[in-house]
Amino acid sequence: MQKEAVQIKKYAKGLIIPMCIEGKQLTSPELSEKISSAGINGFSTVTFIIGSSYGLAPEIKKTGQIKLSMSKMTFPHQLARVMLLEQIYRSFQIAEGGKYHK
């Protein structure tokens, strides 16, 4: 996890959101609000971090402004990426007043 943390630190910028089991679970509208308000709060980018199957190093979790959990259930990392991407897309649709999220 330490080697992974070194690499993650090189790329993590802006609003950093580590995905971890102890993170907060948000509804789709709540996630949309967090992403939408990032610019207002001075962030030009949003970085979601999904760790390895061993999780994330504590130092990476501490760098996050928001810790986020998708569920109390466990998902394969490949599926977690797709689920997160879909939620990000849904967040933009919600922010734009689209109907996709219904």
PDB file of N, CA and C in Angstrom:
ATOM      1  N   MET A   1       0.821  -1.198   0.000  1.00  0.00           N
ATOM      2  CA  MET A   1       0.000   0.000   0.000  1.00  0.00           C
ATOM      3  C   MET A   1       0.863   1.259   0.000  1.00  0.00           C
ATOM      4  N   GLN A   2       2.042   1.171   0.597  1.00  0.00           N
ATOM      5  CA  GLN A   2       2.921   2.342   0.639  1.00  0.00           C
ATOM      6  C   GLN A   2       3.432   2.707  -0.751  1.00  0.00           C
ATOM      7  N   LYS A   3       3.815   1.711  -1.540  1.00  0.00           N
ATOM      8  CA  LYS A   3       4.261   1.991  -2.908  1.00  0.00           C
ATOM      9  C   LYS A   3       3.131   2.616  -3.717  1.00  0.00           C
ATOM     10  N   GLU A   4       1.950   2.086  -3.528  1.00  0.00           N
ATOM     11  CA  GLU A   4       0.781   2.627  -4.215  1.00  0.00           C
ATOM     12  C   GLU A   4       0.532   4.071  -3.769  1.00  0.00           C
ATOM     13  N   ALA A   5       0.693   4.353  -2.487  1.00  0.00           N
ATOM     14  CA  ALA A   5       0.467   5.700  -1.955  1.00  0.00           C
ATOM     15  C   ALA A   5       1.411   6.713  -2.599  1.00  0.00           C
ATOM     16  N   VAL A   6       2.652   6.321  -2.809  1.00  0.00           N
ATOM     17  CA  VAL A   6       3.624   7.217  -3.448  1.00  0.00           C
ATOM     18  C   VAL A   6       3.150   7.587  -4.848  1.00  0.00           C
ATOM     19  N   GLN A   7       2.667   6.609  -5.594  1.00  0.00           N
ATOM     20  CA  GLN A   7       2.181   6.862  -6.953  1.00  0.00           C
ATOM     21  C   GLN A   7       0.906   7.706  -6.945  1.00  0.00           C
ATOM     22  N   ILE A   8       0.015   7.412  -6.024  1.00  0.00           N
ATOM     23  CA  ILE A   8      -1.241   8.163  -5.936  1.00  0.00           C
ATOM     24  C   ILE A   8      -0.967   9.632  -5.656  1.00  0.00           C
ATOM     25  N   LYS A   9      -0.041   9.914  -4.755  1.00  0.00           N
ATOM     26  CA  LYS A   9       0.274  11.307  -4.393  1.00  0.00           C
ATOM     27  C   LYS A   9       0.728  12.121  -5.598  1.00  0.00           C
ATOM     28  N   LYS A  10       1.357  11.471  -6.564  1.00  0.00           N
ATOM     29  CA  LYS A  10       1.830  12.184  -7.758  1.00  0.00           C
ATOM     30  C   LYS A  10       0.675  12.736  -8.590  1.00  0.00           C
ATOM     31  N   TYR A  11      -0.475  12.074  -8.538  1.00  0.00           N
ATOM     32  CA  TYR A  11      -1.577  12.418  -9.430  1.00  0.00           C
ATOM     33  C   TYR A  11      -2.798  13.010  -8.736  1.00  0.00           C
ATOM     34  N   ALA A  12      -2.881  12.879  -7.439  1.00  0.00           N
ATOM     35  CA  ALA A  12      -4.055  13.369  -6.715  1.00  0.00           C
ATOM     36  C   ALA A  12      -4.010  14.890  -6.614  1.00  0.00           C
ATOM     37  N   LYS A  13      -5.035  15.537  -7.178  1.00  0.00           N
ATOM     38  CA  LYS A  13      -5.107  16.998  -7.175  1.00  0.00           C
ATOM     39  C   LYS A  13      -6.525  17.433  -6.861  1.00  0.00           C
ATOM     40  N   GLY A  14      -6.659  18.675  -6.483  1.00  0.00           N
ATOM     41  CA  GLY A  14      -7.973  19.263  -6.296  1.00  0.00           C
ATOM     42  C   GLY A  14      -8.722  18.677  -5.120  1.00  0.00           C
ATOM     43  N   LEU A  15     -10.016  18.510  -5.310  1.00  0.00           N
ATOM     44  CA  LEU A  15     -10.856  17.882  -4.295  1.00  0.00           C
ATOM     45  C   LEU A  15     -10.577  16.385  -4.356  1.00  0.00           C
ATOM     46  N   ILE A  16      -9.963  15.858  -3.322  1.00  0.00           N
ATOM     47  CA  ILE A  16      -9.555  14.453  -3.296  1.00  0.00           C
ATOM     48  C   ILE A  16     -10.597  13.655  -2.520  1.00  0.00           C
ATOM     49  N   ILE A  17     -11.108  12.617  -3.180  1.00  0.00           N
ATOM     50  CA  ILE A  17     -12.148  11.791  -2.579  1.00  0.00           C
ATOM     51  C   ILE A  17     -11.689  10.333  -2.584  1.00  0.00           C
ATOM     52  N   PRO A  18     -11.104   9.876  -1.477  1.00  0.00           N
ATOM     53  CA  PRO A  18     -10.736   8.465  -1.383  1.00  0.00           C
ATOM     54  C   PRO A  18     -11.995   7.611  -1.215  1.00  0.00           C
ATOM     55  N   MET A  19     -12.044   6.519  -1.935  1.00  0.00           N
ATOM     56  CA  MET A  19     -13.142   5.575  -1.813  1.00  0.00           C
ATOM     57  C   MET A  19     -12.718   4.527  -0.790  1.00  0.00           C
ATOM     58  N   CYS A  20     -13.408   4.486   0.339  1.00  0.00           N
ATOM     59  CA  CYS A  20     -13.032   3.544   1.391  1.00  0.00           C
ATOM     60  C   CYS A  20     -14.260   3.134   2.195  1.00  0.00           C
ATOM     61  N   ILE A  21     -14.196   1.967   2.765  1.00  0.00           N
ATOM     62  CA  ILE A  21     -15.332   1.384   3.475  1.00  0.00           C
ATOM     63  C   ILE A  21     -15.817   2.258   4.629  1.00  0.00           C
ATOM     64  N   GLU A  22     -14.902   2.983   5.263  1.00  0.00           N
ATOM     65  CA  GLU A  22     -15.313   3.823   6.389  1.00  0.00           C
ATOM     66  C   GLU A  22     -15.793   5.205   5.948  1.00  0.00           C
ATOM     67  N   GLY A  23     -15.838   5.418   4.645  1.00  0.00           N
ATOM     68  CA  GLY A  23     -16.300   6.691   4.125  1.00  0.00           C
ATOM     69  C   GLY A  23     -17.804   6.862   4.269  1.00  0.00           C
ATOM     70  N   LYS A  24     -18.258   8.042   3.954  1.00  0.00           N
ATOM     71  CA  LYS A  24     -19.681   8.374   4.053  1.00  0.00           C
ATOM     72  C   LYS A  24     -20.413   7.888   2.812  1.00  0.00           C
ATOM     73  N   GLN A  25     -21.605   7.379   2.996  1.00  0.00           N
ATOM     74  CA  GLN A  25     -22.445   6.995   1.873  1.00  0.00           C
ATOM     75  C   GLN A  25     -23.353   8.175   1.536  1.00  0.00           C
ATOM     76  N   LEU A  26     -23.341   8.586   0.279  1.00  0.00           N
ATOM     77  CA  LEU A  26     -24.143   9.715  -0.174  1.00  0.00           C
ATOM     78  C   LEU A  26     -25.197   9.250  -1.169  1.00  0.00           C
ATOM     79  N   THR A  27     -26.282   9.989  -1.242  1.00  0.00           N
ATOM     80  CA  THR A  27     -27.250   9.757  -2.303  1.00  0.00           C
ATOM     81  C   THR A  27     -26.698  10.367  -3.588  1.00  0.00           C
ATOM     82  N   SER A  28     -27.288  10.035  -4.719  1.00  0.00           N
ATOM     83  CA  SER A  28     -26.839  10.621  -5.982  1.00  0.00           C
ATOM     84  C   SER A  28     -26.964  12.143  -5.975  1.00  0.00           C
ATOM     85  N   PRO A  29     -28.077  12.713  -5.498  1.00  0.00           N
ATOM     86  CA  PRO A  29     -28.142  14.179  -5.426  1.00  0.00           C
ATOM     87  C   PRO A  29     -27.091  14.792  -4.494  1.00  0.00           C
ATOM     88  N   GLU A  30     -26.778  14.112  -3.402  1.00  0.00           N
ATOM     89  CA  GLU A  30     -25.749  14.633  -2.489  1.00  0.00           C
ATOM     90  C   GLU A  30     -24.378  14.615  -3.159  1.00  0.00           C
ATOM     91  N   LEU A  31     -24.068  13.548  -3.895  1.00  0.00           N
ATOM     92  CA  LEU A  31     -22.795  13.502  -4.615  1.00  0.00           C
ATOM     93  C   LEU A  31     -22.755  14.587  -5.679  1.00  0.00           C
ATOM     94  N   SER A  32     -23.849  14.788  -6.366  1.00  0.00           N
ATOM     95  CA  SER A  32     -23.924  15.840  -7.373  1.00  0.00           C
ATOM     96  C   SER A  32     -23.615  17.202  -6.759  1.00  0.00           C
ATOM     97  N   GLU A  33     -24.163  17.450  -5.593  1.00  0.00           N
ATOM     98  CA  GLU A  33     -23.916  18.727  -4.901  1.00  0.00           C
ATOM     99  C   GLU A  33     -22.438  18.877  -4.528  1.00  0.00           C
ATOM    100  N   LYS A  34     -21.826  17.810  -4.042  1.00  0.00           N
ATOM    101  CA  LYS A  34     -20.395  17.857  -3.674  1.00  0.00           C
ATOM    102  C   LYS A  34     -19.550  18.180  -4.899  1.00  0.00           C
ATOM    103  N   ILE A  35     -19.828  17.509  -6.014  1.00  0.00           N
ATOM    104  CA  ILE A  35     -19.048  17.744  -7.236  1.00  0.00           C
ATOM    105  C   ILE A  35     -19.313  19.148  -7.763  1.00  0.00           C
ATOM    106  N   SER A  36     -20.567  19.547  -7.785  1.00  0.00           N
ATOM    107  CA  SER A  36     -20.923  20.871  -8.304  1.00  0.00           C
ATOM    108  C   SER A  36     -20.322  22.002  -7.477  1.00  0.00           C
ATOM    109  N   SER A  37     -20.237  21.806  -6.181  1.00  0.00           N
ATOM    110  CA  SER A  37     -19.718  22.869  -5.315  1.00  0.00           C
ATOM    111  C   SER A  37     -18.189  22.895  -5.257  1.00  0.00           C
ATOM    112  N   ALA A  38     -17.534  21.931  -5.862  1.00  0.00           N
ATOM    113  CA  ALA A  38     -16.064  21.887  -5.822  1.00  0.00           C
ATOM    114  C   ALA A  38     -15.458  23.178  -6.378  1.00  0.00           C
ATOM    115  N   GLY A  39     -15.942  23.632  -7.516  1.00  0.00           N
ATOM    116  CA  GLY A  39     -15.414  24.857  -8.123  1.00  0.00           C
ATOM    117  C   GLY A  39     -15.649  26.080  -7.266  1.00  0.00           C
ATOM    118  N   ILE A  40     -16.808  26.141  -6.650  1.00  0.00           N
ATOM    119  CA  ILE A  40     -17.134  27.267  -5.776  1.00  0.00           C
ATOM    120  C   ILE A  40     -16.197  27.291  -4.569  1.00  0.00           C
ATOM    121  N   ASN A  41     -15.775  26.104  -4.146  1.00  0.00           N
ATOM    122  CA  ASN A  41     -14.887  25.995  -2.989  1.00  0.00           C
ATOM    123  C   ASN A  41     -13.410  26.049  -3.355  1.00  0.00           C
ATOM    124  N   GLY A  42     -13.097  26.434  -4.597  1.00  0.00           N
ATOM    125  CA  GLY A  42     -11.717  26.669  -4.988  1.00  0.00           C
ATOM    126  C   GLY A  42     -10.983  25.502  -5.627  1.00  0.00           C
ATOM    127  N   PHE A  43     -11.693  24.433  -5.956  1.00  0.00           N
ATOM    128  CA  PHE A  43     -11.047  23.273  -6.579  1.00  0.00           C
ATOM    129  C   PHE A  43     -11.310  23.280  -8.082  1.00  0.00           C
ATOM    130  N   SER A  44     -10.257  23.113  -8.865  1.00  0.00           N
ATOM    131  CA  SER A  44     -10.432  23.059 -10.317  1.00  0.00           C
ATOM    132  C   SER A  44     -10.557  21.623 -10.822  1.00  0.00           C
ATOM    133  N   THR A  45     -10.236  20.657  -9.976  1.00  0.00           N
ATOM    134  CA  THR A  45     -10.361  19.249 -10.341  1.00  0.00           C
ATOM    135  C   THR A  45     -10.927  18.454  -9.169  1.00  0.00           C
ATOM    136  N   VAL A  46     -11.462  17.296  -9.504  1.00  0.00           N
ATOM    137  CA  VAL A  46     -11.942  16.351  -8.496  1.00  0.00           C
ATOM    138  C   VAL A  46     -11.257  15.029  -8.791  1.00  0.00           C
ATOM    139  N   THR A  47     -10.628  14.443  -7.778  1.00  0.00           N
ATOM    140  CA  THR A  47      -9.922  13.172  -7.932  1.00  0.00           C
ATOM    141  C   THR A  47     -10.542  12.129  -7.013  1.00  0.00           C
ATOM    142  N   PHE A  48     -11.114  11.103  -7.622  1.00  0.00           N
ATOM    143  CA  PHE A  48     -11.620   9.961  -6.868  1.00  0.00           C
ATOM    144  C   PHE A  48     -10.505   8.922  -6.829  1.00  0.00           C
ATOM    145  N   ILE A  49     -10.268   8.321  -5.674  1.00  0.00           N
ATOM    146  CA  ILE A  49      -9.193   7.340  -5.541  1.00  0.00           C
ATOM    147  C   ILE A  49      -9.775   5.999  -5.106  1.00  0.00           C
ATOM    148  N   ILE A  50      -9.588   5.000  -5.961  1.00  0.00           N
ATOM    149  CA  ILE A  50      -9.959   3.623  -5.625  1.00  0.00           C
ATOM    150  C   ILE A  50      -8.649   2.877  -5.433  1.00  0.00           C
ATOM    151  N   GLY A  51      -8.451   2.318  -4.274  1.00  0.00           N
ATOM    152  CA  GLY A  51      -7.212   1.604  -3.976  1.00  0.00           C
ATOM    153  C   GLY A  51      -7.216   0.182  -4.507  1.00  0.00           C
ATOM    154  N   SER A  52      -6.215  -0.532  -4.137  1.00  0.00           N
ATOM    155  CA  SER A  52      -6.105  -1.934  -4.515  1.00  0.00           C
ATOM    156  C   SER A  52      -7.049  -2.769  -3.664  1.00  0.00           C
ATOM    157  N   SER A  53      -7.002  -4.072  -3.856  1.00  0.00           N
ATOM    158  CA  SER A  53      -7.857  -4.958  -3.059  1.00  0.00           C
ATOM    159  C   SER A  53      -7.459  -4.937  -1.584  1.00  0.00           C
ATOM    160  N   TYR A  54      -6.301  -4.368  -1.272  1.00  0.00           N
ATOM    161  CA  TYR A  54      -5.862  -4.241   0.121  1.00  0.00           C
ATOM    162  C   TYR A  54      -6.352  -2.942   0.747  1.00  0.00           C
ATOM    163  N   GLY A  55      -6.970  -2.092  -0.040  1.00  0.00           N
ATOM    164  CA  GLY A  55      -7.451  -0.810   0.465  1.00  0.00           C
ATOM    165  C   GLY A  55      -6.464   0.308   0.171  1.00  0.00           C
ATOM    166  N   LEU A  56      -6.626   1.413   0.867  1.00  0.00           N
ATOM    167  CA  LEU A  56      -5.769   2.583   0.702  1.00  0.00           C
ATOM    168  C   LEU A  56      -4.922   2.794   1.946  1.00  0.00           C
ATOM    169  N   ALA A  57      -3.720   3.305   1.739  1.00  0.00           N
ATOM    170  CA  ALA A  57      -2.846   3.646   2.860  1.00  0.00           C
ATOM    171  C   ALA A  57      -3.517   4.742   3.690  1.00  0.00           C
ATOM    172  N   PRO A  58      -3.366   4.697   5.007  1.00  0.00           N
ATOM    173  CA  PRO A  58      -3.974   5.715   5.866  1.00  0.00           C
ATOM    174  C   PRO A  58      -3.624   7.145   5.451  1.00  0.00           C
ATOM    175  N   GLU A  59      -2.405   7.357   4.981  1.00  0.00           N
ATOM    176  CA  GLU A  59      -2.008   8.716   4.588  1.00  0.00           C
ATOM    177  C   GLU A  59      -2.809   9.221   3.394  1.00  0.00           C
ATOM    178  N   ILE A  60      -3.221   8.328   2.512  1.00  0.00           N
ATOM    179  CA  ILE A  60      -4.049   8.727   1.372  1.00  0.00           C
ATOM    180  C   ILE A  60      -5.442   9.068   1.850  1.00  0.00           C
ATOM    181  N   LYS A  61      -5.961   8.268   2.754  1.00  0.00           N
ATOM    182  CA  LYS A  61      -7.284   8.557   3.305  1.00  0.00           C
ATOM    183  C   LYS A  61      -7.298   9.915   4.000  1.00  0.00           C
ATOM    184  N   LYS A  62      -6.206  10.251   4.686  1.00  0.00           N
ATOM    185  CA  LYS A  62      -6.131  11.524   5.407  1.00  0.00           C
ATOM    186  C   LYS A  62      -6.060  12.719   4.466  1.00  0.00           C
ATOM    187  N   THR A  63      -5.547  12.528   3.253  1.00  0.00           N
ATOM    188  CA  THR A  63      -5.436  13.655   2.322  1.00  0.00           C
ATOM    189  C   THR A  63      -6.772  14.034   1.717  1.00  0.00           C
ATOM    190  N   GLY A  64      -7.748  13.143   1.815  1.00  0.00           N
ATOM    191  CA  GLY A  64      -9.052  13.403   1.215  1.00  0.00           C
ATOM    192  C   GLY A  64      -9.870  14.416   1.995  1.00  0.00           C
ATOM    193  N   GLN A  65     -10.550  15.269   1.265  1.00  0.00           N
ATOM    194  CA  GLN A  65     -11.459  16.216   1.898  1.00  0.00           C
ATOM    195  C   GLN A  65     -12.786  15.536   2.237  1.00  0.00           C
ATOM    196  N   ILE A  66     -13.116  14.523   1.454  1.00  0.00           N
ATOM    197  CA  ILE A  66     -14.330  13.733   1.670  1.00  0.00           C
ATOM    198  C   ILE A  66     -13.927  12.272   1.503  1.00  0.00           C
ATOM    199  N   LYS A  67     -14.263  11.427   2.452  1.00  0.00           N
ATOM    200  CA  LYS A  67     -14.092   9.986   2.267  1.00  0.00           C
ATOM    201  C   LYS A  67     -15.448   9.445   1.860  1.00  0.00           C
ATOM    202  N   LEU A  68     -15.470   8.654   0.796  1.00  0.00           N
ATOM    203  CA  LEU A  68     -16.727   8.186   0.246  1.00  0.00           C
ATOM    204  C   LEU A  68     -16.767   6.668   0.201  1.00  0.00           C
ATOM    205  N   SER A  69     -17.909   6.106   0.550  1.00  0.00           N
ATOM    206  CA  SER A  69     -18.140   4.661   0.457  1.00  0.00           C
ATOM    207  C   SER A  69     -19.325   4.435  -0.470  1.00  0.00           C
ATOM    208  N   MET A  70     -19.195   3.502  -1.394  1.00  0.00           N
ATOM    209  CA  MET A  70     -20.317   3.177  -2.273  1.00  0.00           C
ATOM    210  C   MET A  70     -21.375   2.371  -1.547  1.00  0.00           C
ATOM    211  N   SER A  71     -20.914   1.514  -0.647  1.00  0.00           N
ATOM    212  CA  SER A  71     -21.831   0.589  -0.001  1.00  0.00           C
ATOM    213  C   SER A  71     -21.090  -0.118   1.128  1.00  0.00           C
ATOM    214  N   LYS A  72     -21.844  -0.724   2.007  1.00  0.00           N
ATOM    215  CA  LYS A  72     -21.229  -1.568   3.020  1.00  0.00           C
ATOM    216  C   LYS A  72     -20.840  -2.917   2.423  1.00  0.00           C
ATOM    217  N   MET A  73     -21.355  -3.193   1.229  1.00  0.00           N
ATOM    218  CA  MET A  73     -21.010  -4.437   0.539  1.00  0.00           C
ATOM    219  C   MET A  73     -19.657  -4.306  -0.132  1.00  0.00           C
ATOM    220  N   THR A  74     -19.075  -5.420  -0.495  1.00  0.00           N
ATOM    221  CA  THR A  74     -17.788  -5.439  -1.181  1.00  0.00           C
ATOM    222  C   THR A  74     -18.014  -5.724  -2.660  1.00  0.00           C
ATOM    223  N   PHE A  75     -17.338  -4.954  -3.532  1.00  0.00           N
ATOM    224  CA  PHE A  75     -17.451  -5.137  -4.971  1.00  0.00           C
ATOM    225  C   PHE A  75     -16.064  -5.346  -5.569  1.00  0.00           C
ATOM    226  N   PRO A  76     -15.976  -6.066  -6.696  1.00  0.00           N
ATOM    227  CA  PRO A  76     -14.692  -6.159  -7.389  1.00  0.00           C
ATOM    228  C   PRO A  76     -14.279  -4.761  -7.857  1.00  0.00           C
ATOM    229  N   HIS A  77     -12.991  -4.512  -7.905  1.00  0.00           N
ATOM    230  CA  HIS A  77     -12.497  -3.179  -8.269  1.00  0.00           C
ATOM    231  C   HIS A  77     -12.950  -2.751  -9.661  1.00  0.00           C
ATOM    232  N   GLN A  78     -13.004  -3.689 -10.596  1.00  0.00           N
ATOM    233  CA  GLN A  78     -13.436  -3.346 -11.943  1.00  0.00           C
ATOM    234  C   GLN A  78     -14.888  -2.859 -11.924  1.00  0.00           C
ATOM    235  N   LEU A  79     -15.722  -3.498 -11.133  1.00  0.00           N
ATOM    236  CA  LEU A  79     -17.117  -3.087 -11.029  1.00  0.00           C
ATOM    237  C   LEU A  79     -17.227  -1.759 -10.281  1.00  0.00           C
ATOM    238  N   ALA A  80     -16.419  -1.559  -9.271  1.00  0.00           N
ATOM    239  CA  ALA A  80     -16.438  -0.299  -8.515  1.00  0.00           C
ATOM    240  C   ALA A  80     -16.126   0.874  -9.439  1.00  0.00           C
ATOM    241  N   ARG A  81     -15.196   0.691 -10.350  1.00  0.00           N
ATOM    242  CA  ARG A  81     -14.851   1.769 -11.295  1.00  0.00           C
ATOM    243  C   ARG A  81     -16.034   2.128 -12.170  1.00  0.00           C
ATOM    244  N   VAL A  82     -16.711   1.111 -12.685  1.00  0.00           N
ATOM    245  CA  VAL A  82     -17.867   1.353 -13.543  1.00  0.00           C
ATOM    246  C   VAL A  82     -18.992   2.009 -12.755  1.00  0.00           C
ATOM    247  N   MET A  83     -19.228   1.529 -11.555  1.00  0.00           N
ATOM    248  CA  MET A  83     -20.283   2.105 -10.712  1.00  0.00           C
ATOM    249  C   MET A  83     -19.979   3.564 -10.373  1.00  0.00           C
ATOM    250  N   LEU A  84     -18.729   3.861 -10.062  1.00  0.00           N
ATOM    251  CA  LEU A  84     -18.348   5.236  -9.743  1.00  0.00           C
ATOM    252  C   LEU A  84     -18.496   6.129 -10.971  1.00  0.00           C
ATOM    253  N   LEU A  85     -18.054   5.657 -12.118  1.00  0.00           N
ATOM    254  CA  LEU A  85     -18.181   6.433 -13.348  1.00  0.00           C
ATOM    255  C   LEU A  85     -19.644   6.741 -13.642  1.00  0.00           C
ATOM    256  N   GLU A  86     -20.506   5.753 -13.450  1.00  0.00           N
ATOM    257  CA  GLU A  86     -21.937   5.964 -13.681  1.00  0.00           C
ATOM    258  C   GLU A  86     -22.487   7.008 -12.719  1.00  0.00           C
ATOM    259  N   GLN A  87     -22.047   6.988 -11.474  1.00  0.00           N
ATOM    260  CA  GLN A  87     -22.513   7.961 -10.494  1.00  0.00           C
ATOM    261  C   GLN A  87     -22.003   9.371 -10.805  1.00  0.00           C
ATOM    262  N   ILE A  88     -20.799   9.462 -11.337  1.00  0.00           N
ATOM    263  CA  ILE A  88     -20.276  10.774 -11.741  1.00  0.00           C
ATOM    264  C   ILE A  88     -21.108  11.318 -12.895  1.00  0.00           C
ATOM    265  N   TYR A  89     -21.393  10.468 -13.868  1.00  0.00           N
ATOM    266  CA  TYR A  89     -22.251  10.877 -14.999  1.00  0.00           C
ATOM    267  C   TYR A  89     -23.622  11.311 -14.476  1.00  0.00           C
ATOM    268  N   ARG A  90     -24.187  10.518 -13.597  1.00  0.00           N
ATOM    269  CA  ARG A  90     -25.488  10.827 -13.006  1.00  0.00           C
ATOM    270  C   ARG A  90     -25.432  12.174 -12.275  1.00  0.00           C
ATOM    271  N   SER A  91     -24.327  12.444 -11.582  1.00  0.00           N
ATOM    272  CA  SER A  91     -24.164  13.713 -10.863  1.00  0.00           C
ATOM    273  C   SER A  91     -24.242  14.902 -11.801  1.00  0.00           C
ATOM    274  N   PHE A  92     -23.595  14.781 -12.954  1.00  0.00           N
ATOM    275  CA  PHE A  92     -23.657  15.873 -13.928  1.00  0.00           C
ATOM    276  C   PHE A  92     -25.062  16.024 -14.501  1.00  0.00           C
ATOM    277  N   GLN A  93     -25.747  14.922 -14.713  1.00  0.00           N
ATOM    278  CA  GLN A  93     -27.126  14.986 -15.201  1.00  0.00           C
ATOM    279  C   GLN A  93     -28.033  15.659 -14.180  1.00  0.00           C
ATOM    280  N   ILE A  94     -27.855  15.343 -12.929  1.00  0.00           N
ATOM    281  CA  ILE A  94     -28.644  15.971 -11.865  1.00  0.00           C
ATOM    282  C   ILE A  94     -28.367  17.472 -11.827  1.00  0.00           C
ATOM    283  N   ALA A  95     -27.090  17.836 -11.889  1.00  0.00           N
ATOM    284  CA  ALA A  95     -26.712  19.252 -11.829  1.00  0.00           C
ATOM    285  C   ALA A  95     -27.290  20.053 -12.995  1.00  0.00           C
ATOM    286  N   GLU A  96     -27.429  19.390 -14.145  1.00  0.00           N
ATOM    287  CA  GLU A  96     -27.972  20.057 -15.335  1.00  0.00           C
ATOM    288  C   GLU A  96     -29.489  19.978 -15.417  1.00  0.00           C
ATOM    289  N   GLY A  97     -30.113  19.333 -14.434  1.00  0.00           N
ATOM    290  CA  GLY A  97     -31.567  19.207 -14.458  1.00  0.00           C
ATOM    291  C   GLY A  97     -32.056  18.132 -15.413  1.00  0.00           C
ATOM    292  N   GLY A  98     -31.172  17.228 -15.807  1.00  0.00           N
ATOM    293  CA  GLY A  98     -31.540  16.151 -16.732  1.00  0.00           C
ATOM    294  C   GLY A  98     -32.444  15.131 -16.079  1.00  0.00           C
ATOM    295  N   LYS A  99     -32.970  14.220 -16.892  1.00  0.00           N
ATOM    296  CA  LYS A  99     -33.914  13.222 -16.394  1.00  0.00           C
ATOM    297  C   LYS A  99     -33.286  11.857 -16.217  1.00  0.00           C
ATOM    298  N   TYR A 100     -32.015  11.714 -16.544  1.00  0.00           N
ATOM    299  CA  TYR A 100     -31.348  10.398 -16.485  1.00  0.00           C
ATOM    300  C   TYR A 100     -31.414   9.787 -15.109  1.00  0.00           C
ATOM    301  N   HIS A 101     -31.263  10.591 -14.088  1.00  0.00           N
ATOM    302  CA  HIS A 101     -31.128  10.078 -12.726  1.00  0.00           C
ATOM    303  C   HIS A 101     -32.430   9.544 -12.132  1.00  0.00           C
ATOM    304  N   LYS A 102     -33.538   9.747 -12.781  1.00  0.00           N
ATOM    305  CA  LYS A 102     -34.829   9.319 -12.204  1.00  0.00           C
ATOM    306  C   LYS A 102     -35.088   7.860 -12.488  1.00  0.00           C
TER     307      LYS A 102
END
